[in-house]
C-alpha atoms as a PDB file:
ATOM      1  CA  MET A   1      97.797 -67.191 -59.633  1.00  0.00           C
ATOM      2  CA  GLU A   2      99.018 -63.587 -61.351  1.00  0.00           C
ATOM      3  CA  LEU A   3      99.442 -61.457 -58.405  1.00  0.00           C
ATOM      4  CA  SER A   4      99.497 -57.645 -59.707  1.00  0.00           C
ATOM      5  CA  THR A   5      98.626 -53.994 -58.140  1.00  0.00           C
ATOM      6  CA  VAL A   6      96.110 -52.679 -59.094  1.00  0.00           C
ATOM      7  CA  GLY A   7      94.404 -49.361 -58.875  1.00  0.00           C
ATOM      8  CA  LEU A   8      95.977 -47.834 -55.568  1.00  0.00           C
ATOM      9  CA  PHE A   9      95.686 -51.048 -53.990  1.00  0.00           C
ATOM     10  CA  VAL A  10      99.232 -52.203 -52.323  1.00  0.00           C
ATOM     11  CA  VAL A  11      99.722 -55.751 -53.124  1.00  0.00           C
ATOM     12  CA  VAL A  12     101.901 -57.372 -50.710  1.00  0.00           C
ATOM     13  CA  ALA A  13     102.411 -60.722 -51.877  1.00  0.00           C
ATOM     14  CA  LEU A  14     104.521 -63.668 -49.693  1.00  0.00           C
ATOM     15  CA  LEU A  15     105.603 -67.517 -50.379  1.00  0.00           C
ATOM     16  CA  ILE A  16     104.275 -69.091 -47.397  1.00  0.00           C
ATOM     17  CA  THR A  17     104.966 -72.551 -46.118  1.00  0.00           C
ATOM     18  CA  GLY A  18     102.980 -74.931 -43.476  1.00  0.00           C
ATOM     19  CA  SER A  19     103.866 -77.077 -41.052  1.00  0.00           C
ATOM     20  CA  ASN A  20     104.033 -80.018 -43.193  1.00  0.00           C
ATOM     21  CA  GLY A  21     105.547 -78.326 -46.369  1.00  0.00           C
ATOM     22  CA  THR A  22     102.621 -77.047 -48.320  1.00  0.00           C
ATOM     23  CA  VAL A  23     103.600 -74.189 -50.084  1.00  0.00           C
ATOM     24  CA  CYS A  24     100.950 -71.126 -50.679  1.00  0.00           C
ATOM     25  CA  TYR A  25     101.243 -67.671 -52.728  1.00  0.00           C
ATOM     26  CA  ALA A  26      99.535 -65.511 -50.559  1.00  0.00           C
ATOM     27  CA  ALA A  27      98.714 -61.695 -50.998  1.00  0.00           C
ATOM     28  CA  VAL A  28      97.145 -58.944 -48.546  1.00  0.00           C
ATOM     29  CA  GLU A  29      95.374 -55.949 -51.023  1.00  0.00           C
ATOM     30  CA  SER A  30      94.686 -52.638 -48.835  1.00  0.00           C
ATOM     31  CA  LEU A  31      92.561 -49.676 -49.756  1.00  0.00           C
ATOM     32  CA  ASP A  32      90.959 -47.222 -47.167  1.00  0.00           C
ATOM     33  CA  LEU A  33      91.082 -50.096 -44.574  1.00  0.00           C
ATOM     34  CA  ARG A  34      89.832 -52.476 -46.389  1.00  0.00           C
ATOM     35  CA  CYS A  35      91.886 -55.510 -46.217  1.00  0.00           C
ATOM     36  CA  LEU A  36      91.604 -59.076 -48.933  1.00  0.00           C
ATOM     37  CA  LEU A  37      93.603 -61.824 -48.494  1.00  0.00           C
ATOM     38  CA  GLN A  38      93.727 -63.591 -51.937  1.00  0.00           C
ATOM     39  CA  TRP A  39      96.282 -67.316 -52.006  1.00  0.00           C
ATOM     40  CA  ASP A  40      97.434 -69.740 -54.112  1.00  0.00           C
ATOM     41  CA  CYS A  41      98.259 -73.304 -53.197  1.00  0.00           C
ATOM     42  CA  PRO A  42      99.658 -75.043 -56.757  1.00  0.00           C
ATOM     43  CA  HIS A  43     100.542 -78.352 -55.128  1.00  0.00           C
ATOM     44  CA  ALA A  44      97.026 -78.440 -53.471  1.00  0.00           C
ATOM     45  CA  SER A  45      93.833 -80.509 -54.995  1.00  0.00           C
ATOM     46  CA  PRO A  46      91.215 -78.944 -56.376  1.00  0.00           C
ATOM     47  CA  ASN A  47      88.898 -80.006 -53.804  1.00  0.00           C
ATOM     48  CA  THR A  48      90.880 -78.370 -50.832  1.00  0.00           C
ATOM     49  CA  THR A  49      89.321 -75.942 -48.347  1.00  0.00           C
ATOM     50  CA  TYR A  50      90.705 -73.292 -46.348  1.00  0.00           C
ATOM     51  CA  THR A  51      90.041 -71.653 -43.418  1.00  0.00           C
ATOM     52  CA  VAL A  52      90.712 -67.823 -41.868  1.00  0.00           C
ATOM     53  CA  GLN A  53      92.055 -66.350 -39.074  1.00  0.00           C
ATOM     54  CA  THR A  54      92.995 -63.139 -37.743  1.00  0.00           C
ATOM     55  CA  LYS A  55      94.465 -62.115 -34.350  1.00  0.00           C
ATOM     56  CA  THR A  56      94.844 -58.211 -32.925  1.00  0.00           C
ATOM     57  CA  GLN A  57      97.277 -57.378 -30.652  1.00  0.00           C
ATOM     58  CA  GLY A  58      96.644 -58.957 -27.397  1.00  0.00           C
ATOM     59  CA  ASP A  59      93.754 -61.030 -28.474  1.00  0.00           C
ATOM     60  CA  PRO A  60      93.468 -64.723 -29.528  1.00  0.00           C
ATOM     61  CA  TRP A  61      93.636 -66.023 -33.158  1.00  0.00           C
ATOM     62  CA  GLN A  62      89.834 -66.159 -33.970  1.00  0.00           C
ATOM     63  CA  GLU A  63      87.988 -67.531 -36.751  1.00  0.00           C
ATOM     64  CA  VAL A  64      86.929 -65.153 -39.823  1.00  0.00           C
ATOM     65  CA  PRO A  65      83.351 -66.597 -39.637  1.00  0.00           C
ATOM     66  CA  TRP A  66      82.521 -66.049 -43.567  1.00  0.00           C
ATOM     67  CA  CYS A  67      85.814 -68.180 -44.828  1.00  0.00           C
ATOM     68  CA  VAL A  68      85.972 -71.201 -42.969  1.00  0.00           C
ATOM     69  CA  TRP A  69      85.948 -73.826 -44.536  1.00  0.00           C
ATOM     70  CA  ILE A  70      85.949 -72.428 -48.393  1.00  0.00           C
ATOM     71  CA  SER A  71      86.575 -73.662 -51.907  1.00  0.00           C
ATOM     72  CA  SER A  72      88.008 -70.261 -53.119  1.00  0.00           C
ATOM     73  CA  ARG A  73      90.635 -68.692 -52.821  1.00  0.00           C
ATOM     74  CA  SER A  74      89.974 -65.240 -51.222  1.00  0.00           C
ATOM     75  CA  CYS A  75      88.849 -63.825 -48.833  1.00  0.00           C
ATOM     76  CA  ASP A  76      87.685 -60.085 -47.510  1.00  0.00           C
ATOM     77  CA  VAL A  77      89.203 -59.536 -43.495  1.00  0.00           C
ATOM     78  CA  SER A  78      88.352 -55.986 -43.665  1.00  0.00           C
ATOM     79  CA  PRO A  79      85.191 -56.274 -40.886  1.00  0.00           C
ATOM     80  CA  ALA A  80      87.354 -58.309 -38.788  1.00  0.00           C
ATOM     81  CA  PHE A  81      89.391 -55.068 -37.839  1.00  0.00           C
ATOM     82  CA  SER A  82      88.342 -52.428 -35.717  1.00  0.00           C
ATOM     83  CA  ASN A  83      91.417 -50.840 -33.986  1.00  0.00           C
ATOM     84  CA  PHE A  84      94.358 -49.851 -36.906  1.00  0.00           C
ATOM     85  CA  GLU A  85      96.859 -48.229 -34.238  1.00  0.00           C
ATOM     86  CA  LEU A  86      97.284 -52.175 -32.903  1.00  0.00           C
ATOM     87  CA  TYR A  87      99.165 -54.743 -34.985  1.00  0.00           C
ATOM     88  CA  ASN A  88      96.792 -56.955 -36.789  1.00  0.00           C
ATOM     89  CA  MET A  89      97.547 -60.625 -38.346  1.00  0.00           C
ATOM     90  CA  ILE A  90      96.017 -63.081 -40.834  1.00  0.00           C
ATOM     91  CA  ARG A  91      96.738 -67.003 -41.212  1.00  0.00           C
ATOM     92  CA  LEU A  92      95.494 -68.837 -43.861  1.00  0.00           C
ATOM     93  CA  GLY A  93      94.629 -72.863 -42.753  1.00  0.00           C
ATOM     94  CA  VAL A  94      94.539 -75.406 -45.376  1.00  0.00           C
ATOM     95  CA  HIS A  95      92.942 -78.314 -44.790  1.00  0.00           C
ATOM     96  CA  LEU A  96      94.440 -81.142 -46.084  1.00  0.00           C
ATOM     97  CA  ARG A  97      92.327 -84.141 -44.517  1.00  0.00           C
ATOM     98  CA  PRO A  98      89.252 -83.490 -42.474  1.00  0.00           C
ATOM     99  CA  SER A  99      91.102 -83.799 -39.209  1.00  0.00           C
ATOM    100  CA  SER A 100      94.653 -82.215 -40.306  1.00  0.00           C
ATOM    101  CA  THR A 101      94.831 -78.161 -40.869  1.00  0.00           C
ATOM    102  CA  ALA A 102      98.335 -77.145 -42.097  1.00  0.00           C
ATOM    103  CA  TRP A 103      98.530 -73.140 -41.163  1.00  0.00           C
ATOM    104  CA  MET A 104     100.371 -70.644 -43.067  1.00  0.00           C
ATOM    105  CA  ARG A 105     102.793 -68.416 -41.952  1.00  0.00           C
ATOM    106  CA  PRO A 106     100.761 -65.314 -40.362  1.00  0.00           C
ATOM    107  CA  LEU A 107     101.161 -62.525 -42.458  1.00  0.00           C
ATOM    108  CA  LYS A 108     100.742 -58.762 -40.866  1.00  0.00           C
ATOM    109  CA  PHE A 109      98.195 -56.528 -41.593  1.00  0.00           C
ATOM    110  CA  ASP A 110      99.093 -52.973 -40.342  1.00  0.00           C
ATOM    111  CA  TYR A 111     100.112 -49.016 -41.286  1.00  0.00           C
ATOM    112  CA  SER A 112     103.134 -49.838 -43.718  1.00  0.00           C
ATOM    113  CA  ASP A 113     100.031 -51.878 -45.568  1.00  0.00           C
ATOM    114  CA  PHE A 114      97.843 -48.677 -45.804  1.00  0.00           C
ATOM    115  CA  THR A 115      96.614 -47.207 -48.543  1.00  0.00           C
ATOM    116  CA  PHE A 116      94.011 -44.236 -49.319  1.00  0.00           C
ATOM    117  CA  SER A 117      92.064 -42.861 -52.087  1.00  0.00           C
ATOM    118  CA  PRO A 118      91.754 -38.840 -52.224  1.00  0.00           C
ATOM    119  CA  PRO A 119      89.119 -37.070 -50.707  1.00  0.00           C
ATOM    120  CA  SER A 120      87.141 -34.549 -52.693  1.00  0.00           C
ATOM    121  CA  VAL A 121      86.769 -31.076 -51.478  1.00  0.00           C
ATOM    122  CA  SER A 122      84.815 -28.517 -52.024  1.00  0.00           C
ATOM    123  CA  VAL A 123      84.877 -24.463 -51.518  1.00  0.00           C
ATOM    124  CA  SER A 124      83.089 -21.403 -50.731  1.00  0.00           C
ATOM    125  CA  LEU A 125      83.567 -17.888 -50.497  1.00  0.00           C
ATOM    126  CA  LYS A 126      82.404 -15.054 -48.263  1.00  0.00           C
ATOM    127  CA  GLU A 127      84.359 -11.599 -49.214  1.00  0.00           C
ATOM    128  CA  ASP A 128      87.576 -12.910 -48.627  1.00  0.00           C
ATOM    129  CA  ASN A 129      87.108 -15.872 -45.940  1.00  0.00           C
ATOM    130  CA  LEU A 130      87.662 -19.356 -47.812  1.00  0.00           C
ATOM    131  CA  THR A 131      85.599 -22.179 -46.507  1.00  0.00           C
ATOM    132  CA  VAL A 132      87.085 -25.825 -47.394  1.00  0.00           C
ATOM    133  CA  LYS A 133      85.326 -28.687 -46.894  1.00  0.00           C
ATOM    134  CA  VAL A 134      86.984 -32.014 -47.187  1.00  0.00           C
ATOM    135  CA  GLN A 135      84.849 -35.690 -47.446  1.00  0.00           C
ATOM    136  CA  PHE A 136      86.716 -38.565 -46.881  1.00  0.00           C
ATOM    137  CA  PRO A 137      86.216 -41.709 -48.977  1.00  0.00           C
ATOM    138  CA  CYS A 138      83.966 -44.601 -47.630  1.00  0.00           C
ATOM    139  CA  ALA A 139      85.364 -47.568 -45.558  1.00  0.00           C
ATOM    140  CA  ALA A 140      84.678 -51.360 -45.168  1.00  0.00           C
ATOM    141  CA  ASN A 141      84.051 -51.970 -41.196  1.00  0.00           C
ATOM    142  CA  ARG A 142      82.648 -54.290 -38.888  1.00  0.00           C
ATOM    143  CA  ARG A 143      81.580 -50.976 -36.888  1.00  0.00           C
ATOM    144  CA  CYS A 144      79.384 -49.333 -40.203  1.00  0.00           C
ATOM    145  CA  SER A 145      75.849 -50.123 -40.885  1.00  0.00           C
ATOM    146  CA  LEU A 146      75.584 -51.648 -44.632  1.00  0.00           C
ATOM    147  CA  GLY A 147      74.236 -50.113 -47.212  1.00  0.00           C
ATOM    148  CA  ARG A 148      75.614 -46.712 -46.255  1.00  0.00           C
ATOM    149  CA  CYS A 149      79.041 -44.889 -47.115  1.00  0.00           C
ATOM    150  CA  CYS A 150      81.234 -45.419 -43.747  1.00  0.00           C
ATOM    151  CA  PRO A 151      83.970 -42.438 -44.086  1.00  0.00           C
ATOM    152  CA  ILE A 152      87.508 -43.389 -43.180  1.00  0.00           C
ATOM    153  CA  SER A 153      87.244 -40.473 -40.624  1.00  0.00           C
ATOM    154  CA  GLU A 154      84.415 -42.419 -38.692  1.00  0.00           C
ATOM    155  CA  LEU A 155      86.765 -44.898 -37.986  1.00  0.00           C
ATOM    156  CA  ILE A 156      89.922 -43.208 -37.242  1.00  0.00           C
ATOM    157  CA  HIS A 157      91.326 -39.348 -36.735  1.00  0.00           C
ATOM    158  CA  PRO A 158      93.150 -38.580 -39.783  1.00  0.00           C
ATOM    159  CA  TRP A 159      95.930 -35.379 -39.996  1.00  0.00           C
ATOM    160  CA  THR A 160      94.103 -33.420 -42.829  1.00  0.00           C
ATOM    161  CA  THR A 161      95.886 -30.624 -44.721  1.00  0.00           C
ATOM    162  CA  VAL A 162      94.626 -28.182 -46.975  1.00  0.00           C
ATOM    163  CA  THR A 163      96.831 -26.041 -49.256  1.00  0.00           C
ATOM    164  CA  VAL A 164      95.366 -22.713 -50.807  1.00  0.00           C
ATOM    165  CA  TYR A 165      96.746 -21.254 -53.851  1.00  0.00           C
ATOM    166  CA  ASN A 166      96.918 -18.659 -56.449  1.00  0.00           C
ATOM    167  CA  LYS A 167      95.990 -19.899 -59.694  1.00  0.00           C
ATOM    168  CA  GLN A 168      98.262 -17.408 -61.455  1.00  0.00           C
ATOM    169  CA  ASN A 169     100.859 -17.486 -59.156  1.00  0.00           C
ATOM    170  CA  HIS A 170     101.403 -20.741 -57.228  1.00  0.00           C
ATOM    171  CA  SER A 171     104.167 -19.012 -55.063  1.00  0.00           C
ATOM    172  CA  GLU A 172     101.392 -17.239 -52.888  1.00  0.00           C
ATOM    173  CA  TYR A 173     100.013 -19.944 -50.911  1.00  0.00           C
ATOM    174  CA  GLN A 174      98.417 -20.558 -47.587  1.00  0.00           C
ATOM    175  CA  ARG A 175      98.654 -24.557 -46.055  1.00  0.00           C
ATOM    176  CA  ARG A 176      97.183 -25.685 -42.594  1.00  0.00           C
ATOM    177  CA  THR A 177      97.145 -29.102 -40.945  1.00  0.00           C
ATOM    178  CA  VAL A 178      94.673 -30.042 -39.553  1.00  0.00           C
ATOM    179  CA  TRP A 179      93.486 -32.887 -36.497  1.00  0.00           C
ATOM    180  CA  THR A 180      90.018 -33.897 -38.233  1.00  0.00           C
ATOM    181  CA  GLN A 181      88.167 -35.330 -35.240  1.00  0.00           C
ATOM    182  CA  GLU A 182      84.503 -35.155 -37.341  1.00  0.00           C
ATOM    183  CA  VAL A 183      83.621 -37.249 -39.618  1.00  0.00           C
ATOM    184  CA  VAL A 184      84.043 -33.899 -42.227  1.00  0.00           C
ATOM    185  CA  SER A 185      86.602 -31.265 -41.775  1.00  0.00           C
ATOM    186  CA  HIS A 186      86.041 -27.560 -42.904  1.00  0.00           C
ATOM    187  CA  VAL A 187      88.977 -25.917 -42.661  1.00  0.00           C
ATOM    188  CA  GLU A 188      89.334 -21.877 -43.364  1.00  0.00           C
ATOM    189  CA  PHE A 189      91.332 -19.069 -44.903  1.00  0.00           C
ATOM    190  CA  SER A 190      91.364 -15.092 -44.497  1.00  0.00           C
ATOM    191  CA  GLY A 191      93.498 -12.388 -46.561  1.00  0.00           C
ATOM    192  CA  LEU A 192      92.911 -13.330 -49.737  1.00  0.00           C
ATOM    193  CA  ALA A 193      93.566 -10.956 -52.600  1.00  0.00           C
ATOM    194  CA  ALA A 194      90.705  -9.602 -54.868  1.00  0.00           C
ATOM    195  CA  GLY A 195      90.220 -10.298 -58.216  1.00  0.00           C
ATOM    196  CA  GLN A 196      92.118 -13.304 -57.967  1.00  0.00           C
ATOM    197  CA  ASN A 197      91.920 -17.239 -58.978  1.00  0.00           C
ATOM    198  CA  TYR A 198      92.230 -19.678 -55.723  1.00  0.00           C
ATOM    199  CA  CYS A 199      92.259 -22.859 -55.844  1.00  0.00           C
ATOM    200  CA  ALA A 200      92.303 -25.581 -52.847  1.00  0.00           C
ATOM    201  CA  VAL A 201      93.342 -29.201 -52.539  1.00  0.00           C
ATOM    202  CA  ALA A 202      93.573 -31.532 -49.432  1.00  0.00           C
ATOM    203  CA  ASN A 203      95.199 -34.800 -48.554  1.00  0.00           C
ATOM    204  CA  PHE A 204      95.303 -37.036 -45.245  1.00  0.00           C
ATOM    205  CA  SER A 205      97.287 -39.549 -43.246  1.00  0.00           C
ATOM    206  CA  PHE A 206      96.762 -41.933 -40.855  1.00  0.00           C
ATOM    207  CA  PRO A 207      97.159 -40.195 -37.119  1.00  0.00           C
ATOM    208  CA  THR A 208     100.670 -41.629 -36.115  1.00  0.00           C
ATOM    209  CA  PHE A 209     101.706 -42.507 -39.117  1.00  0.00           C
ATOM    210  CA  SER A 210     102.454 -39.727 -41.753  1.00  0.00           C
ATOM    211  CA  MET A 211     104.299 -42.306 -44.562  1.00  0.00           C
ATOM    212  CA  SER A 212     100.457 -43.467 -44.712  1.00  0.00           C
ATOM    213  CA  ALA A 213      99.188 -40.358 -46.756  1.00  0.00           C
ATOM    214  CA  SER A 214      96.721 -40.325 -49.592  1.00  0.00           C
ATOM    215  CA  PRO A 215      97.137 -38.506 -52.779  1.00  0.00           C
ATOM    216  CA  LYS A 216      95.823 -35.022 -53.050  1.00  0.00           C
ATOM    217  CA  SER A 217      92.137 -34.109 -54.114  1.00  0.00           C
ATOM    218  CA  SER A 218      91.588 -32.892 -57.312  1.00  0.00           C
ATOM    219  CA  PRO A 219      91.738 -28.689 -56.827  1.00  0.00           C
ATOM    220  CA  GLN A 220      88.515 -26.765 -56.398  1.00  0.00           C
ATOM    221  CA  CYS A 221      88.493 -23.188 -57.793  1.00  0.00           C
ATOM    222  CA  VAL A 222      87.323 -19.883 -57.055  1.00  0.00           C
ATOM    223  CA  GLN A 223      87.193 -16.465 -57.830  1.00  0.00           C
ATOM    224  CA  THR A 224      87.524 -13.605 -55.127  1.00  0.00           C
ATOM    225  CA  VAL A 225      85.664 -10.450 -56.071  1.00  0.00           C
ATOM    226  CA  SER A 226      87.622  -7.434 -58.051  1.00  0.00           C
ATOM    227  CA  GLN A 227      87.705  -3.881 -56.074  1.00  0.00           C
ATOM    228  CA  SER A 228      86.507  -2.417 -59.146  1.00  0.00           C
ATOM    229  CA  VAL A 229      83.470  -4.547 -58.975  1.00  0.00           C
ATOM    230  CA  LEU A 230      83.121  -3.800 -55.479  1.00  0.00           C
ATOM    231  CA  LEU A 231      83.418  -0.055 -55.582  1.00  0.00           C
ATOM    232  CA  PRO A 232      80.557  -0.005 -58.041  1.00  0.00           C
ATOM    233  CA  ALA A 233      78.345  -1.757 -55.933  1.00  0.00           C
ATOM    234  CA  VAL A 234      79.252   0.201 -52.865  1.00  0.00           C
ATOM    235  CA  CYS A 235      78.322   3.367 -54.793  1.00  0.00           C
ATOM    236  CA  LEU A 236      74.310   1.535 -56.081  1.00  0.00           C
ATOM    237  CA  GLY A 237      73.738   0.510 -52.985  1.00  0.00           C
ATOM    238  CA  ILE A 238      74.632   4.093 -51.677  1.00  0.00           C
ATOM    239  CA  GLY A 239      72.595   5.418 -54.568  1.00  0.00           C
ATOM    240  CA  LEU A 240      69.808   3.049 -53.899  1.00  0.00           C
ATOM    241  CA  THR A 241      69.776   4.233 -49.988  1.00  0.00           C
ATOM    242  CA  SER A 242      69.317   7.924 -50.832  1.00  0.00           C
ATOM    243  CA  LEU A 243      66.423   7.243 -53.324  1.00  0.00           C
ATOM    244  CA  LEU A 244      64.488   5.699 -50.251  1.00  0.00           C
ATOM    245  CA  LEU A 245      65.310   8.036 -48.046  1.00  0.00           C
ATOM    246  CA  VAL A 246      64.960  11.240 -49.878  1.00  0.00           C
ATOM    247  CA  PRO A 247      61.033  10.946 -50.523  1.00  0.00           C
ATOM    248  CA  LEU A 248      61.209  10.010 -46.583  1.00  0.00           C
ATOM    249  CA  LEU A 249      62.647  13.528 -45.308  1.00  0.00           C
ATOM    250  CA  ALA A 250      60.316  15.481 -47.990  1.00  0.00           C
ATOM    251  CA  VAL A 251      57.207  14.063 -46.322  1.00  0.00           C
ATOM    252  CA  PHE A 252      58.449  14.453 -42.719  1.00  0.00           C
ATOM    253  CA  LEU A 253      59.276  18.007 -43.546  1.00  0.00           C
ATOM    254  CA  LYS A 254      55.813  18.700 -45.173  1.00  0.00           C
ATOM    255  CA  ILE A 255      53.934  17.249 -42.022  1.00  0.00           C
ATOM    256  CA  SER A 256      55.908  19.281 -39.908  1.00  0.00           C
ATOM    257  CA  LYS A 257      55.038  22.531 -41.241  1.00  0.00           C
ATOM    258  CA  HIS A 258      51.472  22.136 -41.733  1.00  0.00           C
ATOM    259  CA  THR A 259      51.912  20.909 -37.631  1.00  0.00           C
ATOM    260  CA  ALA A 260      53.886  23.944 -36.707  1.00  0.00           C
ATOM    261  CA  PRO A 261      52.425  26.936 -34.357  1.00  0.00           C
ATOM    262  CA  THR A 262      52.047  30.294 -36.432  1.00  0.00           C
ATOM    263  CA  SER A 263      52.486  34.069 -35.135  1.00  0.00           C
ATOM    264  CA  GLU A 264      48.714  34.318 -35.121  1.00  0.00           C
ATOM    265  CA  ASN A 265      47.671  31.618 -33.061  1.00  0.00           C
ATOM    266  CA  GLN A 266      50.782  32.172 -30.198  1.00  0.00           C
ATOM    267  CA  PRO A 267      49.945  33.890 -27.181  1.00  0.00           C
ATOM    268  CA  GLU A 268      51.523  37.249 -26.057  1.00  0.00           C
ATOM    269  CA  THR A 269      54.554  36.633 -23.935  1.00  0.00           C
ATOM    270  CA  MET A 270      54.606  38.572 -20.581  1.00  0.00           C
ATOM    271  CA  ALA A 271      58.734  39.546 -21.705  1.00  0.00           C
ATOM    272  CA  SER A 272      56.627  41.342 -25.006  1.00  0.00           C
ATOM    273  CA  VAL A 273      54.511  43.308 -22.338  1.00  0.00           C
ATOM    274  CA  GLN A 274      56.609  44.408 -20.007  1.00  0.00           C
ATOM    275  CA  ASP A 275      59.556  45.343 -22.545  1.00  0.00           C
ATOM    276  CA  PRO A 276      60.407  48.838 -21.919  1.00  0.00           C
ATOM    277  CA  ASP A 277      61.712  49.615 -25.591  1.00  0.00           C
ATOM    278  CA  SER A 278      58.484  48.896 -26.597  1.00  0.00           C
ATOM    279  CA  LEU A 279      56.693  51.769 -24.701  1.00  0.00           C
ATOM    280  CA  VAL A 280      58.956  53.991 -26.482  1.00  0.00           C
ATOM    281  CA  PRO A 281      57.292  55.825 -29.633  1.00  0.00           C
ATOM    282  CA  LEU A 282      58.409  55.051 -32.865  1.00  0.00           C
ATOM    283  CA  SER A 283      59.023  58.710 -33.574  1.00  0.00           C
ATOM    284  CA  PRO A 284      59.137  61.973 -31.743  1.00  0.00           C
ATOM    285  CA  VAL A 285      55.829  63.921 -30.491  1.00  0.00           C
ATOM    286  CA  PRO A 286      56.296  68.038 -30.177  1.00  0.00           C
ATOM    287  CA  VAL A 287      55.670  69.292 -27.031  1.00  0.00           C
ATOM    288  CA  ASP A 288      54.426  72.866 -25.902  1.00  0.00           C
ATOM    289  CA  PRO A 289      56.203  74.418 -23.560  1.00  0.00           C
ATOM    290  CA  CYS A 290      52.797  76.369 -22.037  1.00  0.00           C
ATOM    291  CA  ASP A 291      52.313  72.790 -21.358  1.00  0.00           C
ATOM    292  CA  ILE A 292      54.887  72.290 -18.953  1.00  0.00           C
ATOM    293  CA  GLN A 293      53.963  72.750 -15.135  1.00  0.00           C
ATOM    294  CA  LEU A 294      56.924  73.294 -12.337  1.00  0.00           C
ATOM    295  CA  GLU A 295      56.166  72.230  -9.082  1.00  0.00           C
ATOM    296  CA  PHE A 296      58.422  72.593  -5.947  1.00  0.00           C
ATOM    297  CA  ALA A 297      58.496  71.289  -3.034  1.00  0.00           C
ATOM    298  CA  SER A 298      58.270  73.337   0.042  1.00  0.00           C
ATOM    299  CA  HIS A 299      60.728  73.023   3.268  1.00  0.00           C
ATOM    300  CA  THR A 300      59.239  74.144   6.780  1.00  0.00           C
END
């Protein structure tokens, strides 16, 4: 069997030998927590059957139920593993006779075998604040329901790194790394310059081993609003507000004028009656001296 690397799969091919000298070539392919075991035993008869077993650190060997006494040369053991922070082992058994099984030397399946597909990102802009949404590739695992995408972030909590950069000036960039504990990661950026094109890319790595990192996502770009667009928009808003307020103010003043009391209807106040200045004649009146009478008080 020819063993090769397909796409982003990592193929670990080993020559393994059983206790009775049986020779097989085995390979583990891994992508997005998938684990596919393939083998070829050149000297085995065409009718030879095989059984695959797995073992997680601290547990005994267990048969993979769908890979017991099979005649095919491959077995997808992905659903057999659930804890990826422990060491996992795989071994192949060759049934030489109904009562005789030659077990090959175990193969490991750990973080050094992991490879990941790139995540996907989408961006949303509100004023000068940019939110980057990171979605993770689907994984195969026994804790996932059949028929639906089970994101890697449901099985592990990866470190997610998001970089936002100026498309015209790559030296202007912001980068943030967060520990993702949700199915989807949201990372926010602020302080972006107006009227510029900004792009976002992301990748992620296995929580405890940064060497198992995904490629970067395809960039998603957005343009911030320029000041020359913001200023007319503000002026337009002020103008529209004025057009709405001026008629309302005119109506209010008109109503106030009709309801205000006039001087004819106002009662005369006490101050206007008792004011001495109001008793003074507006023009002097001539007095005849004969009309002046002098009275002297008598003192006895």
